[in-house]
Amino acid sequence: MHASPVHFQPRPAPLPVDAPAERWPLAAIEALFALPFAELLFRAQTVHREHFDPTEVQLSTLLSVKTGGCPENCAYCPQAAEFDTGVEASKLLEPAVVLDAARRAQAAGATRFCMGAAWRGPKDRDIEKVAELIAAVKGLGLETCATLGMLEDGHAESLRDAGLDYYNHNLDTAPDFYGDIITTRAYQDRLDTLQRVRGAGVKVCCGGIVGMGESRSQRAGLIGALANLDPYPESVPINHLVQVEGTPLHGLEPLDPLEFVRTIAVARITMPQSRVRLSAGRQEMGEAVQALCFAAGANSIFYGDKLLTTGNPDVDADRTLLAKLGMTTS
């Protein structure tokens, strides 16, 4: 007696060069989310193997160079000044401190060093100081990334000239959920900064956060907003909300781990040449969920003991996990 054959749905045909701006309609992304789990991971892994070594993961380290006191009211963020989270506001770190952290990250295997500052947007004098940090880190041979908030005209060019490789500015969530999370800036403000970054010839690092109470359709909306950028980001950090006491989102029902894996898989399918990065929330995932994420097409992680102000698996734990999985690093 023979088992019945399994019929897979055909993968979408490649889009023509002159395809419209919306390469991925919301309905198509929702259909990916709704696939049986094994089928979704098969498709994601197939796409992943077309563009990357499936056993290789890129390591990035993130350092908060200016912590706390941010005037924005992002509901997930412990650095917002209006939330009582115990995060103390600090001044911009001195170059020697940043350079020391970058050297330690490089010695631990990181190839990209990202510097984050809790500003709504930097002033010209801030850009000058951060440019010095970027030049110093670039001098070590590391790729450089910065996340400083909204940029004005000329800022991206100054950072580029200092040696900036990537600028991170997340969309955070779907356009129709954004107002539930942030009211101090508009979605278009984020898009304007991304346009300035692209205009300066700096690569874009742009992702979002899931587990903030959004629906699956809104998770699909986030992926669609990213995938339909022209071009889509070279680096896509997918954050799992880390709930911090004192923020409005503390106490939410956590997102199901398999739904997070689905989000990774859909990001991989819709943005096939991006580095899809496991970012905040890895500490709470455990090894099995992280392994599923790698199988779903994640191929970059933030590496180190802290992400801005929240915990992250330490270097030894990461090395142990990657060794168990037979992963190589870059």
C-alpha atoms as a PDB file:
ATOM      1  CA  MET A   1       0.000   0.000   0.000  1.00  0.00           C
ATOM      2  CA  HIS A   2       1.458   3.337  -1.032  1.00  0.00           C
ATOM      3  CA  ALA A   3       1.119   6.597   0.855  1.00  0.00           C
ATOM      4  CA  SER A   4      -0.764   9.362  -0.881  1.00  0.00           C
ATOM      5  CA  PRO A   5       1.529  11.861  -2.584  1.00  0.00           C
ATOM      6  CA  VAL A   6       1.964  15.244  -0.928  1.00  0.00           C
ATOM      7  CA  HIS A   7       0.978  18.130  -3.172  1.00  0.00           C
ATOM      8  CA  PHE A   8       2.794  21.377  -2.504  1.00  0.00           C
ATOM      9  CA  GLN A   9       1.416  24.659  -3.733  1.00  0.00           C
ATOM     10  CA  PRO A  10       3.656  26.168  -6.420  1.00  0.00           C
ATOM     11  CA  ARG A  11       5.943  28.971  -5.358  1.00  0.00           C
ATOM     12  CA  PRO A  12       5.121  32.413  -6.766  1.00  0.00           C
ATOM     13  CA  ALA A  13       6.750  33.133 -10.104  1.00  0.00           C
ATOM     14  CA  PRO A  14       9.588  35.679 -10.128  1.00  0.00           C
ATOM     15  CA  LEU A  15       8.376  39.225 -10.595  1.00  0.00           C
ATOM     16  CA  PRO A  16       9.221  41.013 -13.843  1.00  0.00           C
ATOM     17  CA  VAL A  17      11.773  43.807 -13.773  1.00  0.00           C
ATOM     18  CA  ASP A  18       9.057  46.399 -14.356  1.00  0.00           C
ATOM     19  CA  ALA A  19       6.847  45.088 -11.528  1.00  0.00           C
ATOM     20  CA  PRO A  20       4.805  47.688  -9.636  1.00  0.00           C
ATOM     21  CA  ALA A  21       6.127  49.108  -6.382  1.00  0.00           C
ATOM     22  CA  GLU A  22       3.959  46.785  -4.281  1.00  0.00           C
ATOM     23  CA  ARG A  23       5.767  43.563  -5.018  1.00  0.00           C
ATOM     24  CA  TRP A  24       4.010  41.830  -2.141  1.00  0.00           C
ATOM     25  CA  PRO A  25       0.302  42.613  -1.653  1.00  0.00           C
ATOM     26  CA  LEU A  26      -0.953  42.113   1.884  1.00  0.00           C
ATOM     27  CA  ALA A  27      -3.125  39.178   0.837  1.00  0.00           C
ATOM     28  CA  ALA A  28      -0.107  37.314  -0.544  1.00  0.00           C
ATOM     29  CA  ILE A  29       1.838  37.799   2.687  1.00  0.00           C
ATOM     30  CA  GLU A  30      -1.148  36.715   4.805  1.00  0.00           C
ATOM     31  CA  ALA A  31      -1.348  33.584   2.641  1.00  0.00           C
ATOM     32  CA  LEU A  32       2.282  32.790   3.471  1.00  0.00           C
ATOM     33  CA  PHE A  33       1.595  33.180   7.203  1.00  0.00           C
ATOM     34  CA  ALA A  34      -1.365  30.787   6.856  1.00  0.00           C
ATOM     35  CA  LEU A  35       0.622  27.958   5.245  1.00  0.00           C
ATOM     36  CA  PRO A  36       1.148  24.725   7.180  1.00  0.00           C
ATOM     37  CA  PHE A  37       4.265  25.207   9.315  1.00  0.00           C
ATOM     38  CA  ALA A  38       6.345  22.557   7.508  1.00  0.00           C
ATOM     39  CA  GLU A  39       5.437  23.965   4.096  1.00  0.00           C
ATOM     40  CA  LEU A  40       6.285  27.512   5.159  1.00  0.00           C
ATOM     41  CA  LEU A  41       9.702  26.475   6.492  1.00  0.00           C
ATOM     42  CA  PHE A  42      10.377  24.435   3.342  1.00  0.00           C
ATOM     43  CA  ARG A  43       9.695  27.452   1.155  1.00  0.00           C
ATOM     44  CA  ALA A  44      11.757  29.752   3.351  1.00  0.00           C
ATOM     45  CA  GLN A  45      14.685  27.328   3.444  1.00  0.00           C
ATOM     46  CA  THR A  46      14.512  26.889  -0.331  1.00  0.00           C
ATOM     47  CA  VAL A  47      14.693  30.657  -0.865  1.00  0.00           C
ATOM     48  CA  HIS A  48      17.440  30.956   1.738  1.00  0.00           C
ATOM     49  CA  ARG A  49      19.631  28.364   0.005  1.00  0.00           C
ATOM     50  CA  GLU A  50      19.298  30.186  -3.302  1.00  0.00           C
ATOM     51  CA  HIS A  51      21.069  33.220  -1.849  1.00  0.00           C
ATOM     52  CA  PHE A  52      23.075  32.176   1.228  1.00  0.00           C
ATOM     53  CA  ASP A  53      24.989  29.340   2.823  1.00  0.00           C
ATOM     54  CA  PRO A  54      22.322  27.921   5.180  1.00  0.00           C
ATOM     55  CA  THR A  55      24.955  27.057   7.795  1.00  0.00           C
ATOM     56  CA  GLU A  56      26.468  30.559   7.992  1.00  0.00           C
ATOM     57  CA  VAL A  57      25.411  33.333  10.380  1.00  0.00           C
ATOM     58  CA  GLN A  58      26.687  36.906  10.573  1.00  0.00           C
ATOM     59  CA  LEU A  59      27.523  38.343  14.005  1.00  0.00           C
ATOM     60  CA  SER A  60      26.776  41.939  14.966  1.00  0.00           C
ATOM     61  CA  THR A  61      27.253  43.719  18.286  1.00  0.00           C
ATOM     62  CA  LEU A  62      25.179  46.670  19.461  1.00  0.00           C
ATOM     63  CA  LEU A  63      26.398  49.272  21.936  1.00  0.00           C
ATOM     64  CA  SER A  64      24.304  52.048  23.454  1.00  0.00           C
ATOM     65  CA  VAL A  65      26.522  55.115  23.103  1.00  0.00           C
ATOM     66  CA  LYS A  66      23.900  57.467  24.561  1.00  0.00           C
ATOM     67  CA  THR A  67      21.294  55.924  26.831  1.00  0.00           C
ATOM     68  CA  GLY A  68      17.907  57.135  28.124  1.00  0.00           C
ATOM     69  CA  GLY A  69      16.113  60.458  28.206  1.00  0.00           C
ATOM     70  CA  CYS A  70      14.467  60.061  24.820  1.00  0.00           C
ATOM     71  CA  PRO A  71      11.485  62.413  24.243  1.00  0.00           C
ATOM     72  CA  GLU A  72       9.634  59.870  22.083  1.00  0.00           C
ATOM     73  CA  ASN A  73       6.806  57.790  23.600  1.00  0.00           C
ATOM     74  CA  CYS A  74       7.408  54.426  21.905  1.00  0.00           C
ATOM     75  CA  ALA A  75       5.341  52.100  24.106  1.00  0.00           C
ATOM     76  CA  TYR A  76       7.921  49.310  24.037  1.00  0.00           C
ATOM     77  CA  CYS A  77      10.964  51.387  24.952  1.00  0.00           C
ATOM     78  CA  PRO A  78      12.508  51.658  28.442  1.00  0.00           C
ATOM     79  CA  GLN A  79      14.559  54.657  27.269  1.00  0.00           C
ATOM     80  CA  ALA A  80      11.526  56.928  26.853  1.00  0.00           C
ATOM     81  CA  ALA A  81      11.778  59.751  29.373  1.00  0.00           C
ATOM     82  CA  GLU A  82       8.079  59.649  30.260  1.00  0.00           C
ATOM     83  CA  PHE A  83       8.183  56.005  31.447  1.00  0.00           C
ATOM     84  CA  ASP A  84       9.539  55.067  34.872  1.00  0.00           C
ATOM     85  CA  THR A  85      11.716  52.083  34.001  1.00  0.00           C
ATOM     86  CA  GLY A  86      14.832  52.743  36.060  1.00  0.00           C
ATOM     87  CA  VAL A  87      16.926  53.633  33.003  1.00  0.00           C
ATOM     88  CA  GLU A  88      19.131  56.610  33.800  1.00  0.00           C
ATOM     89  CA  ALA A  89      19.831  59.171  31.082  1.00  0.00           C
ATOM     90  CA  SER A  90      23.494  59.449  30.137  1.00  0.00           C
ATOM     91  CA  LYS A  91      25.706  61.529  27.900  1.00  0.00           C
ATOM     92  CA  LEU A  92      27.373  60.323  24.717  1.00  0.00           C
ATOM     93  CA  LEU A  93      30.197  57.895  25.501  1.00  0.00           C
ATOM     94  CA  GLU A  94      33.770  58.990  25.024  1.00  0.00           C
ATOM     95  CA  PRO A  95      35.585  57.644  21.920  1.00  0.00           C
ATOM     96  CA  ALA A  96      38.023  55.591  24.019  1.00  0.00           C
ATOM     97  CA  VAL A  97      35.156  53.738  25.700  1.00  0.00           C
ATOM     98  CA  VAL A  98      33.442  52.989  22.398  1.00  0.00           C
ATOM     99  CA  LEU A  99      36.688  51.892  20.783  1.00  0.00           C
ATOM    100  CA  ASP A 100      37.413  49.524  23.660  1.00  0.00           C
ATOM    101  CA  ALA A 101      33.945  47.961  23.315  1.00  0.00           C
ATOM    102  CA  ALA A 102      34.431  47.609  19.554  1.00  0.00           C
ATOM    103  CA  ARG A 103      37.774  45.856  20.027  1.00  0.00           C
ATOM    104  CA  ARG A 104      36.215  43.418  22.500  1.00  0.00           C
ATOM    105  CA  ALA A 105      33.325  42.731  20.105  1.00  0.00           C
ATOM    106  CA  GLN A 106      35.762  42.117  17.275  1.00  0.00           C
ATOM    107  CA  ALA A 107      37.841  39.757  19.427  1.00  0.00           C
ATOM    108  CA  ALA A 108      34.662  37.821  20.231  1.00  0.00           C
ATOM    109  CA  GLY A 109      33.947  37.326  16.532  1.00  0.00           C
ATOM    110  CA  ALA A 110      31.608  40.201  15.605  1.00  0.00           C
ATOM    111  CA  THR A 111      32.064  41.650  12.127  1.00  0.00           C
ATOM    112  CA  ARG A 112      29.619  44.551  12.439  1.00  0.00           C
ATOM    113  CA  PHE A 113      29.465  47.094  15.255  1.00  0.00           C
ATOM    114  CA  CYS A 114      26.318  49.131  15.721  1.00  0.00           C
ATOM    115  CA  MET A 115      26.099  52.268  17.857  1.00  0.00           C
ATOM    116  CA  GLY A 116      22.715  53.361  19.185  1.00  0.00           C
ATOM    117  CA  ALA A 117      21.771  56.702  20.726  1.00  0.00           C
ATOM    118  CA  ALA A 118      18.455  57.559  22.394  1.00  0.00           C
ATOM    119  CA  TRP A 119      17.641  60.712  20.466  1.00  0.00           C
ATOM    120  CA  ARG A 120      14.482  61.760  18.640  1.00  0.00           C
ATOM    121  CA  GLY A 121      16.951  63.003  16.077  1.00  0.00           C
ATOM    122  CA  PRO A 122      20.582  64.124  16.381  1.00  0.00           C
ATOM    123  CA  LYS A 123      21.644  67.760  16.113  1.00  0.00           C
ATOM    124  CA  ASP A 124      24.488  68.806  13.829  1.00  0.00           C
ATOM    125  CA  ARG A 125      26.938  68.781  16.755  1.00  0.00           C
ATOM    126  CA  ASP A 126      25.815  65.244  17.642  1.00  0.00           C
ATOM    127  CA  ILE A 127      26.450  64.090  14.092  1.00  0.00           C
ATOM    128  CA  GLU A 128      29.985  65.480  14.296  1.00  0.00           C
ATOM    129  CA  LYS A 129      30.683  63.530  17.498  1.00  0.00           C
ATOM    130  CA  VAL A 130      29.162  60.291  16.210  1.00  0.00           C
ATOM    131  CA  ALA A 131      31.126  60.664  12.977  1.00  0.00           C
ATOM    132  CA  GLU A 132      34.305  60.546  15.068  1.00  0.00           C
ATOM    133  CA  LEU A 133      33.122  57.303  16.674  1.00  0.00           C
ATOM    134  CA  ILE A 134      32.280  55.791  13.301  1.00  0.00           C
ATOM    135  CA  ALA A 135      35.682  56.662  11.861  1.00  0.00           C
ATOM    136  CA  ALA A 136      37.436  55.125  14.863  1.00  0.00           C
ATOM    137  CA  VAL A 137      35.453  51.868  14.696  1.00  0.00           C
ATOM    138  CA  LYS A 138      35.827  51.669  10.921  1.00  0.00           C
ATOM    139  CA  GLY A 139      39.564  51.953  11.444  1.00  0.00           C
ATOM    140  CA  LEU A 140      39.504  48.591  13.241  1.00  0.00           C
ATOM    141  CA  GLY A 141      38.236  46.893  10.093  1.00  0.00           C
ATOM    142  CA  LEU A 142      34.679  46.403  11.367  1.00  0.00           C
ATOM    143  CA  GLU A 143      31.525  47.171   9.420  1.00  0.00           C
ATOM    144  CA  THR A 144      29.790  50.124  11.044  1.00  0.00           C
ATOM    145  CA  CYS A 145      26.127  50.765  11.782  1.00  0.00           C
ATOM    146  CA  ALA A 146      24.373  53.542  13.674  1.00  0.00           C
ATOM    147  CA  THR A 147      20.859  54.146  14.945  1.00  0.00           C
ATOM    148  CA  LEU A 148      20.372  57.730  16.056  1.00  0.00           C
ATOM    149  CA  GLY A 149      16.736  58.532  15.319  1.00  0.00           C
ATOM    150  CA  MET A 150      15.425  60.754  12.543  1.00  0.00           C
ATOM    151  CA  LEU A 151      18.011  62.336  10.260  1.00  0.00           C
ATOM    152  CA  GLU A 152      17.856  65.772   8.645  1.00  0.00           C
ATOM    153  CA  ASP A 153      19.245  66.761   5.255  1.00  0.00           C
ATOM    154  CA  GLY A 154      23.020  66.309   5.122  1.00  0.00           C
ATOM    155  CA  HIS A 155      23.270  64.074   8.181  1.00  0.00           C
ATOM    156  CA  ALA A 156      23.436  60.791   6.273  1.00  0.00           C
ATOM    157  CA  GLU A 157      26.120  62.201   3.984  1.00  0.00           C
ATOM    158  CA  SER A 158      28.250  63.236   6.985  1.00  0.00           C
ATOM    159  CA  LEU A 159      27.936  59.775   8.512  1.00  0.00           C
ATOM    160  CA  ARG A 160      28.734  58.153   5.164  1.00  0.00           C
ATOM    161  CA  ASP A 161      31.863  60.246   4.758  1.00  0.00           C
ATOM    162  CA  ALA A 162      33.003  59.112   8.217  1.00  0.00           C
ATOM    163  CA  GLY A 163      32.746  55.488   7.105  1.00  0.00           C
ATOM    164  CA  LEU A 164      29.203  54.427   7.996  1.00  0.00           C
ATOM    165  CA  ASP A 165      28.128  51.239   6.217  1.00  0.00           C
ATOM    166  CA  TYR A 166      24.579  50.797   7.561  1.00  0.00           C
ATOM    167  CA  TYR A 167      21.976  53.023   9.168  1.00  0.00           C
ATOM    168  CA  ASN A 168      19.309  51.383  11.307  1.00  0.00           C
ATOM    169  CA  HIS A 169      15.866  52.947  11.451  1.00  0.00           C
ATOM    170  CA  ASN A 170      13.048  50.482  12.093  1.00  0.00           C
ATOM    171  CA  LEU A 171       9.477  50.806  10.880  1.00  0.00           C
ATOM    172  CA  ASP A 172       8.533  49.041  14.148  1.00  0.00           C
ATOM    173  CA  THR A 173       5.111  47.745  13.082  1.00  0.00           C
ATOM    174  CA  ALA A 174       2.397  47.898  10.424  1.00  0.00           C
ATOM    175  CA  PRO A 175       1.174  51.331   9.334  1.00  0.00           C
ATOM    176  CA  ASP A 176      -2.333  50.651  10.690  1.00  0.00           C
ATOM    177  CA  PHE A 177      -1.021  49.678  14.136  1.00  0.00           C
ATOM    178  CA  TYR A 178       1.663  52.331  14.414  1.00  0.00           C
ATOM    179  CA  GLY A 179      -0.527  54.928  16.132  1.00  0.00           C
ATOM    180  CA  ASP A 180      -1.274  52.445  18.929  1.00  0.00           C
ATOM    181  CA  ILE A 181       2.448  52.248  19.724  1.00  0.00           C
ATOM    182  CA  ILE A 182       3.875  55.720  18.999  1.00  0.00           C
ATOM    183  CA  THR A 183       2.267  59.152  18.773  1.00  0.00           C
ATOM    184  CA  THR A 184       5.293  61.463  18.880  1.00  0.00           C
ATOM    185  CA  ARG A 185       6.260  60.822  15.269  1.00  0.00           C
ATOM    186  CA  ALA A 186       4.462  59.662  12.133  1.00  0.00           C
ATOM    187  CA  TYR A 187       5.139  56.648   9.934  1.00  0.00           C
ATOM    188  CA  GLN A 188       6.114  59.010   7.149  1.00  0.00           C
ATOM    189  CA  ASP A 189       8.856  60.463   9.377  1.00  0.00           C
ATOM    190  CA  ARG A 190      10.484  57.042   9.415  1.00  0.00           C
ATOM    191  CA  LEU A 191      10.148  56.649   5.663  1.00  0.00           C
ATOM    192  CA  ASP A 192      11.672  60.112   5.133  1.00  0.00           C
ATOM    193  CA  THR A 193      14.765  59.150   7.154  1.00  0.00           C
ATOM    194  CA  LEU A 194      15.131  55.917   5.180  1.00  0.00           C
ATOM    195  CA  GLN A 195      14.942  57.918   1.967  1.00  0.00           C
ATOM    196  CA  ARG A 196      17.713  60.236   3.178  1.00  0.00           C
ATOM    197  CA  VAL A 197      19.864  57.225   4.037  1.00  0.00           C
ATOM    198  CA  ARG A 198      19.308  55.675   0.602  1.00  0.00           C
ATOM    199  CA  GLY A 199      19.983  59.001  -1.058  1.00  0.00           C
ATOM    200  CA  ALA A 200      23.388  59.165   0.626  1.00  0.00           C
ATOM    201  CA  GLY A 201      24.313  55.687  -0.602  1.00  0.00           C
ATOM    202  CA  VAL A 202      24.311  54.149   2.891  1.00  0.00           C
ATOM    203  CA  LYS A 203      22.892  50.643   3.286  1.00  0.00           C
ATOM    204  CA  VAL A 204      19.616  50.298   5.160  1.00  0.00           C
ATOM    205  CA  CYS A 205      19.048  48.222   8.282  1.00  0.00           C
ATOM    206  CA  CYS A 206      15.301  48.270   8.926  1.00  0.00           C
ATOM    207  CA  GLY A 207      12.953  45.871  10.680  1.00  0.00           C
ATOM    208  CA  GLY A 208      10.410  45.857  13.442  1.00  0.00           C
ATOM    209  CA  ILE A 209       9.075  44.402  16.659  1.00  0.00           C
ATOM    210  CA  VAL A 210       6.490  41.649  17.029  1.00  0.00           C
ATOM    211  CA  GLY A 211       4.564  40.644  20.113  1.00  0.00           C
ATOM    212  CA  MET A 212       3.241  44.148  20.842  1.00  0.00           C
ATOM    213  CA  GLY A 213      -0.406  43.075  20.726  1.00  0.00           C
ATOM    214  CA  GLU A 214      -0.674  43.279  16.947  1.00  0.00           C
ATOM    215  CA  SER A 215      -2.762  40.822  14.913  1.00  0.00           C
ATOM    216  CA  ARG A 216      -1.257  38.354  12.455  1.00  0.00           C
ATOM    217  CA  SER A 217      -2.582  40.572   9.667  1.00  0.00           C
ATOM    218  CA  GLN A 218      -0.640  43.469  11.186  1.00  0.00           C
ATOM    219  CA  ARG A 219       2.506  41.342  11.375  1.00  0.00           C
ATOM    220  CA  ALA A 220       1.959  40.683   7.690  1.00  0.00           C
ATOM    221  CA  GLY A 221       1.530  44.437   7.232  1.00  0.00           C
ATOM    222  CA  LEU A 222       4.930  45.070   8.822  1.00  0.00           C
ATOM    223  CA  ILE A 223       6.625  42.539   6.546  1.00  0.00           C
ATOM    224  CA  GLY A 224       4.825  44.059   3.566  1.00  0.00           C
ATOM    225  CA  ALA A 225       5.947  47.573   4.469  1.00  0.00           C
ATOM    226  CA  LEU A 226       9.550  46.338   4.582  1.00  0.00           C
ATOM    227  CA  ALA A 227       9.429  44.074   1.531  1.00  0.00           C
ATOM    228  CA  ASN A 228       7.829  46.766  -0.618  1.00  0.00           C
ATOM    229  CA  LEU A 229      10.519  49.338   0.084  1.00  0.00           C
ATOM    230  CA  ASP A 230      12.450  50.012  -3.120  1.00  0.00           C
ATOM    231  CA  PRO A 231      14.896  48.438  -2.661  1.00  0.00           C
ATOM    232  CA  TYR A 232      14.067  46.393   0.406  1.00  0.00           C
ATOM    233  CA  PRO A 233      16.559  46.658   3.319  1.00  0.00           C
ATOM    234  CA  GLU A 234      19.900  44.871   3.142  1.00  0.00           C
ATOM    235  CA  SER A 235      19.515  44.031   6.835  1.00  0.00           C
ATOM    236  CA  VAL A 236      16.197  43.203   8.541  1.00  0.00           C
ATOM    237  CA  PRO A 237      16.259  42.901  12.349  1.00  0.00           C
ATOM    238  CA  ILE A 238      13.177  41.123  13.697  1.00  0.00           C
ATOM    239  CA  ASN A 239      12.730  41.875  17.400  1.00  0.00           C
ATOM    240  CA  HIS A 240      10.583  39.876  19.805  1.00  0.00           C
ATOM    241  CA  LEU A 241       9.186  42.332  22.344  1.00  0.00           C
ATOM    242  CA  VAL A 242      11.111  42.330  25.618  1.00  0.00           C
ATOM    243  CA  GLN A 243       8.563  43.490  28.159  1.00  0.00           C
ATOM    244  CA  VAL A 244      10.018  46.015  30.579  1.00  0.00           C
ATOM    245  CA  GLU A 245       8.177  47.010  33.741  1.00  0.00           C
ATOM    246  CA  GLY A 246       7.109  50.645  33.546  1.00  0.00           C
ATOM    247  CA  THR A 247       6.402  50.612  29.801  1.00  0.00           C
ATOM    248  CA  PRO A 248       2.790  50.523  28.535  1.00  0.00           C
ATOM    249  CA  LEU A 249       3.293  47.118  26.904  1.00  0.00           C
ATOM    250  CA  HIS A 250       4.409  45.390  30.093  1.00  0.00           C
ATOM    251  CA  GLY A 251       2.034  42.573  31.012  1.00  0.00           C
ATOM    252  CA  LEU A 252       0.919  41.649  27.491  1.00  0.00           C
ATOM    253  CA  GLU A 253       0.304  38.005  26.616  1.00  0.00           C
ATOM    254  CA  PRO A 254       3.578  36.874  25.004  1.00  0.00           C
ATOM    255  CA  LEU A 255       3.587  36.022  21.313  1.00  0.00           C
ATOM    256  CA  ASP A 256       3.527  32.300  20.562  1.00  0.00           C
ATOM    257  CA  PRO A 257       7.115  31.246  19.705  1.00  0.00           C
ATOM    258  CA  LEU A 258       6.039  29.439  16.536  1.00  0.00           C
ATOM    259  CA  GLU A 259       4.350  32.620  15.327  1.00  0.00           C
ATOM    260  CA  PHE A 260       7.701  34.363  15.716  1.00  0.00           C
ATOM    261  CA  VAL A 261       9.328  31.620  13.617  1.00  0.00           C
ATOM    262  CA  ARG A 262       6.618  32.119  10.990  1.00  0.00           C
ATOM    263  CA  THR A 263       7.460  35.825  10.905  1.00  0.00           C
ATOM    264  CA  ILE A 264      11.131  35.027  10.274  1.00  0.00           C
ATOM    265  CA  ALA A 265      10.186  32.632   7.460  1.00  0.00           C
ATOM    266  CA  VAL A 266       7.893  35.151   5.762  1.00  0.00           C
ATOM    267  CA  ALA A 267      10.590  37.823   6.017  1.00  0.00           C
ATOM    268  CA  ARG A 268      13.051  35.456   4.331  1.00  0.00           C
ATOM    269  CA  ILE A 269      10.668  34.612   1.472  1.00  0.00           C
ATOM    270  CA  THR A 270       9.704  38.219   0.781  1.00  0.00           C
ATOM    271  CA  MET A 271      13.216  39.667   1.169  1.00  0.00           C
ATOM    272  CA  PRO A 272      15.379  36.862  -0.205  1.00  0.00           C
ATOM    273  CA  GLN A 273      18.713  38.701  -0.311  1.00  0.00           C
ATOM    274  CA  SER A 274      18.467  40.427   3.084  1.00  0.00           C
ATOM    275  CA  ARG A 275      20.288  39.476   6.225  1.00  0.00           C
ATOM    276  CA  VAL A 276      17.367  38.561   8.495  1.00  0.00           C
ATOM    277  CA  ARG A 277      18.562  39.163  12.040  1.00  0.00           C
ATOM    278  CA  LEU A 278      17.403  37.713  15.345  1.00  0.00           C
ATOM    279  CA  SER A 279      17.545  40.764  17.579  1.00  0.00           C
ATOM    280  CA  ALA A 280      15.854  41.594  20.880  1.00  0.00           C
ATOM    281  CA  GLY A 281      14.153  38.770  22.736  1.00  0.00           C
ATOM    282  CA  ARG A 282      16.590  35.956  21.982  1.00  0.00           C
ATOM    283  CA  GLN A 283      17.263  35.480  25.690  1.00  0.00           C
ATOM    284  CA  GLU A 284      13.661  34.404  26.196  1.00  0.00           C
ATOM    285  CA  MET A 285      13.476  32.124  23.136  1.00  0.00           C
ATOM    286  CA  GLY A 286      15.644  29.212  24.165  1.00  0.00           C
ATOM    287  CA  GLU A 287      17.816  27.119  21.898  1.00  0.00           C
ATOM    288  CA  ALA A 288      15.059  25.164  20.125  1.00  0.00           C
ATOM    289  CA  VAL A 289      13.188  28.259  18.936  1.00  0.00           C
ATOM    290  CA  GLN A 290      16.406  29.931  17.795  1.00  0.00           C
ATOM    291  CA  ALA A 291      17.290  26.766  15.861  1.00  0.00           C
ATOM    292  CA  LEU A 292      13.908  26.881  14.135  1.00  0.00           C
ATOM    293  CA  CYS A 293      14.530  30.524  13.264  1.00  0.00           C
ATOM    294  CA  PHE A 294      17.814  29.601  11.580  1.00  0.00           C
ATOM    295  CA  ALA A 295      15.972  26.862   9.678  1.00  0.00           C
ATOM    296  CA  ALA A 296      13.396  29.496   8.665  1.00  0.00           C
ATOM    297  CA  GLY A 297      16.086  31.695   7.129  1.00  0.00           C
ATOM    298  CA  ALA A 298      17.522  33.889   9.893  1.00  0.00           C
ATOM    299  CA  ASN A 299      21.220  34.370   9.189  1.00  0.00           C
ATOM    300  CA  SER A 300      22.371  37.142  11.493  1.00  0.00           C
ATOM    301  CA  ILE A 301      22.244  37.713  15.243  1.00  0.00           C
ATOM    302  CA  PHE A 302      23.038  40.473  17.674  1.00  0.00           C
ATOM    303  CA  TYR A 303      25.890  39.047  19.670  1.00  0.00           C
ATOM    304  CA  GLY A 304      26.894  40.030  23.192  1.00  0.00           C
ATOM    305  CA  ASP A 305      25.421  40.368  26.661  1.00  0.00           C
ATOM    306  CA  LYS A 306      23.172  43.414  26.146  1.00  0.00           C
ATOM    307  CA  LEU A 307      21.006  45.054  23.502  1.00  0.00           C
ATOM    308  CA  LEU A 308      20.923  48.754  24.384  1.00  0.00           C
ATOM    309  CA  THR A 309      19.265  48.292  27.801  1.00  0.00           C
ATOM    310  CA  THR A 310      17.854  44.736  27.691  1.00  0.00           C
ATOM    311  CA  GLY A 311      19.582  41.400  28.166  1.00  0.00           C
ATOM    312  CA  ASN A 312      20.905  39.212  25.360  1.00  0.00           C
ATOM    313  CA  PRO A 313      22.426  35.702  25.401  1.00  0.00           C
ATOM    314  CA  ASP A 314      26.092  35.972  26.300  1.00  0.00           C
ATOM    315  CA  VAL A 315      28.899  35.136  23.920  1.00  0.00           C
ATOM    316  CA  ASP A 316      29.659  31.700  25.397  1.00  0.00           C
ATOM    317  CA  ALA A 317      26.012  30.635  25.179  1.00  0.00           C
ATOM    318  CA  ASP A 318      25.847  31.765  21.559  1.00  0.00           C
ATOM    319  CA  ARG A 319      29.038  29.936  20.651  1.00  0.00           C
ATOM    320  CA  THR A 320      27.730  26.766  22.290  1.00  0.00           C
ATOM    321  CA  LEU A 321      24.430  26.938  20.406  1.00  0.00           C
ATOM    322  CA  LEU A 322      26.053  27.666  17.049  1.00  0.00           C
ATOM    323  CA  ALA A 323      28.472  24.770  17.581  1.00  0.00           C
ATOM    324  CA  LYS A 324      25.574  22.403  18.353  1.00  0.00           C
ATOM    325  CA  LEU A 325      23.904  23.453  15.113  1.00  0.00           C
ATOM    326  CA  GLY A 326      27.095  23.204  13.054  1.00  0.00           C
ATOM    327  CA  MET A 327      26.849  26.880  12.112  1.00  0.00           C
ATOM    328  CA  THR A 328      29.779  28.893  10.858  1.00  0.00           C
ATOM    329  CA  THR A 329      30.137  32.630  11.494  1.00  0.00           C
ATOM    330  CA  SER A 330      31.094  35.702   9.508  1.00  0.00           C
END
